[in-house]
Protein backbone atom coordinates (compact mmCIF):
# COMPACT_ATOMS: atom_id res chain seq x y z
CA UNK A 1 55.19 41.41 16.57
CA UNK A 2 51.46 40.80 16.63
CA UNK A 3 49.75 37.75 18.02
CA UNK A 4 46.64 35.64 17.93
CA UNK A 5 45.11 33.76 20.83
CA UNK A 6 44.55 30.18 19.69
CA UNK A 7 41.39 28.20 20.23
CA UNK A 8 41.44 24.40 20.35
CA UNK A 9 39.82 23.84 16.94
CA UNK A 10 42.66 25.02 14.70
CA UNK A 11 45.29 23.54 16.98
CA UNK A 12 43.67 20.13 16.73
CA UNK A 13 42.96 20.45 13.00
CA UNK A 14 46.61 21.24 12.31
CA UNK A 15 47.62 17.88 13.83
CA UNK A 16 44.91 15.55 12.52
CA UNK A 17 45.21 14.93 8.77
CA UNK A 18 41.66 13.50 8.80
CA UNK A 19 40.13 16.66 10.29
CA UNK A 20 38.00 18.59 7.79
CA UNK A 21 39.91 21.79 8.65
CA UNK A 22 43.40 20.26 8.44
CA UNK A 23 44.46 21.93 5.17
CA UNK A 24 42.99 25.24 6.31
CA UNK A 25 44.83 25.08 9.64
CA UNK A 26 48.12 24.23 7.93
CA UNK A 27 47.71 27.13 5.49
CA UNK A 28 46.83 29.50 8.32
CA UNK A 29 49.93 28.44 10.25
CA UNK A 30 52.00 29.42 7.22
CA UNK A 31 50.13 32.74 6.98
CA UNK A 32 50.73 33.45 10.67
CA UNK A 33 54.42 32.80 10.16
CA UNK A 34 54.53 34.97 7.02
CA UNK A 35 52.79 37.79 8.90
CA UNK A 36 55.20 37.39 11.81
CA UNK A 37 52.27 36.77 14.19
CA UNK A 38 52.89 34.79 17.32
CA UNK A 39 50.46 32.11 18.43
CA UNK A 40 49.56 32.59 22.08
CA UNK A 41 47.97 29.77 24.02
CA UNK A 42 46.01 29.94 27.26
CA UNK A 43 46.78 27.01 29.54
CA UNK A 44 43.13 25.83 29.58
CA UNK A 45 43.30 25.57 25.78
CA UNK A 46 46.55 23.62 26.05
CA UNK A 47 44.82 21.17 28.40
CA UNK A 48 41.72 20.87 26.22
CA UNK A 49 43.68 20.38 22.97
CA UNK A 50 46.09 17.89 24.56
CA UNK A 51 43.17 15.82 25.87
CA UNK A 52 41.46 15.82 22.48
CA UNK A 53 44.65 14.79 20.69
CA UNK A 54 45.40 12.13 23.31
CA UNK A 55 41.97 10.51 23.02
CA UNK A 56 41.64 10.75 19.24
CA UNK A 57 45.21 10.35 17.99
CA UNK A 58 46.99 8.55 20.84
CA UNK A 59 49.68 9.14 23.42
CA UNK A 60 52.73 9.38 21.14
CA UNK A 61 51.07 12.01 18.94
CA UNK A 62 49.91 13.98 21.99
CA UNK A 63 53.40 13.87 23.50
CA UNK A 64 55.01 15.12 20.26
CA UNK A 65 52.36 17.82 19.91
CA UNK A 66 52.82 19.17 23.43
CA UNK A 67 56.61 19.25 22.97
CA UNK A 68 56.21 21.20 19.71
CA UNK A 69 53.72 23.61 21.29
CA UNK A 70 55.90 24.27 24.31
CA UNK A 71 58.88 24.98 22.05
CA UNK A 72 57.17 27.46 19.74
CA UNK A 73 54.19 29.02 21.48
CA UNK A 74 53.82 31.64 24.16
CA UNK A 75 51.51 30.48 26.95
CA UNK A 76 49.62 32.38 29.60
CA UNK A 77 47.54 31.64 32.64
CA UNK A 78 44.15 33.28 33.02
CA UNK A 79 43.62 35.16 36.26
CA UNK A 80 40.88 34.49 38.76
CA UNK A 81 39.16 37.59 37.37
CA UNK A 82 39.33 36.10 33.85
CA UNK A 83 37.58 32.94 35.02
CA UNK A 84 34.90 34.94 36.84
CA UNK A 85 34.36 37.11 33.76
CA UNK A 86 34.10 33.94 31.64
CA UNK A 87 31.37 32.63 33.94
CA UNK A 88 29.52 35.91 33.52
CA UNK A 89 29.95 35.75 29.76
CA UNK A 90 28.45 32.25 29.58
CA UNK A 91 25.45 33.44 31.61
CA UNK A 92 24.83 36.24 29.08
CA UNK A 93 24.06 33.63 26.41
CA UNK A 94 21.86 31.00 28.08
CA UNK A 95 20.50 29.83 24.72
CA UNK A 96 24.01 28.98 23.44
CA UNK A 97 26.30 26.02 24.19
CA UNK A 98 29.34 28.16 24.94
CA UNK A 99 31.93 26.27 26.96
CA UNK A 100 33.90 27.78 29.80
CA UNK A 101 37.02 27.01 27.77
CA UNK A 102 35.77 29.26 24.98
CA UNK A 103 34.46 31.95 27.31
CA UNK A 104 37.83 32.04 29.06
CA UNK A 105 39.64 32.47 25.73
CA UNK A 106 37.16 35.20 24.72
CA UNK A 107 37.69 36.98 28.04
CA UNK A 108 41.48 36.83 27.66
CA UNK A 109 41.26 38.04 24.07
CA UNK A 110 39.19 41.02 25.13
CA UNK A 111 41.47 41.88 28.03
CA UNK A 112 44.62 41.58 25.91
CA UNK A 113 43.10 43.10 22.75
CA UNK A 114 44.01 40.04 20.71
CA UNK A 115 42.05 38.34 17.95
CA UNK A 116 41.15 34.69 18.42
CA UNK A 117 42.24 32.06 15.89
CA UNK A 118 39.17 29.85 15.83
CA UNK A 119 36.61 28.06 13.66
CA UNK A 120 33.93 28.28 16.35
CA UNK A 121 31.00 30.62 15.66
CA UNK A 122 30.49 31.15 19.39
CA UNK A 123 33.34 33.66 19.38
CA UNK A 124 31.32 35.82 16.98
CA UNK A 125 28.34 35.45 19.32
CA UNK A 126 30.51 36.60 22.23
CA UNK A 127 31.69 39.52 20.05
CA UNK A 128 35.32 38.51 20.15
CA UNK A 129 37.67 39.76 17.52
CA UNK A 130 38.37 36.73 15.32
CA UNK A 131 41.47 36.37 13.15
CA UNK A 132 40.58 35.15 9.68
CA UNK A 133 43.19 34.59 7.01
């Protein structure tokens, strides 16, 4: 089984029917399932996505989402070294608005040799492998 490391963008888009990427995220979820690819989630991404869903879509939606994610997604914790590498990665691109969330996901993706499921161009800037369906 192959996997993709999820970024917040597609996770949020899959939940919010008003998001401009909603249909795309839903289709990609079906493609991931058809390709037997697991969705892997770093805990910082879980926290970021949950917060976004909570503030934009409300507590009940956030609670349902986190239950669904916990039931069907593998999660992992970045190491201290991952966070330090993410800080270094951000510093390499001072002219970009790359968040530490994204740099941490990019660092994990590189270490684990996984593509990132994202809609954020910063992952291309950081030279991450990006999964595109």
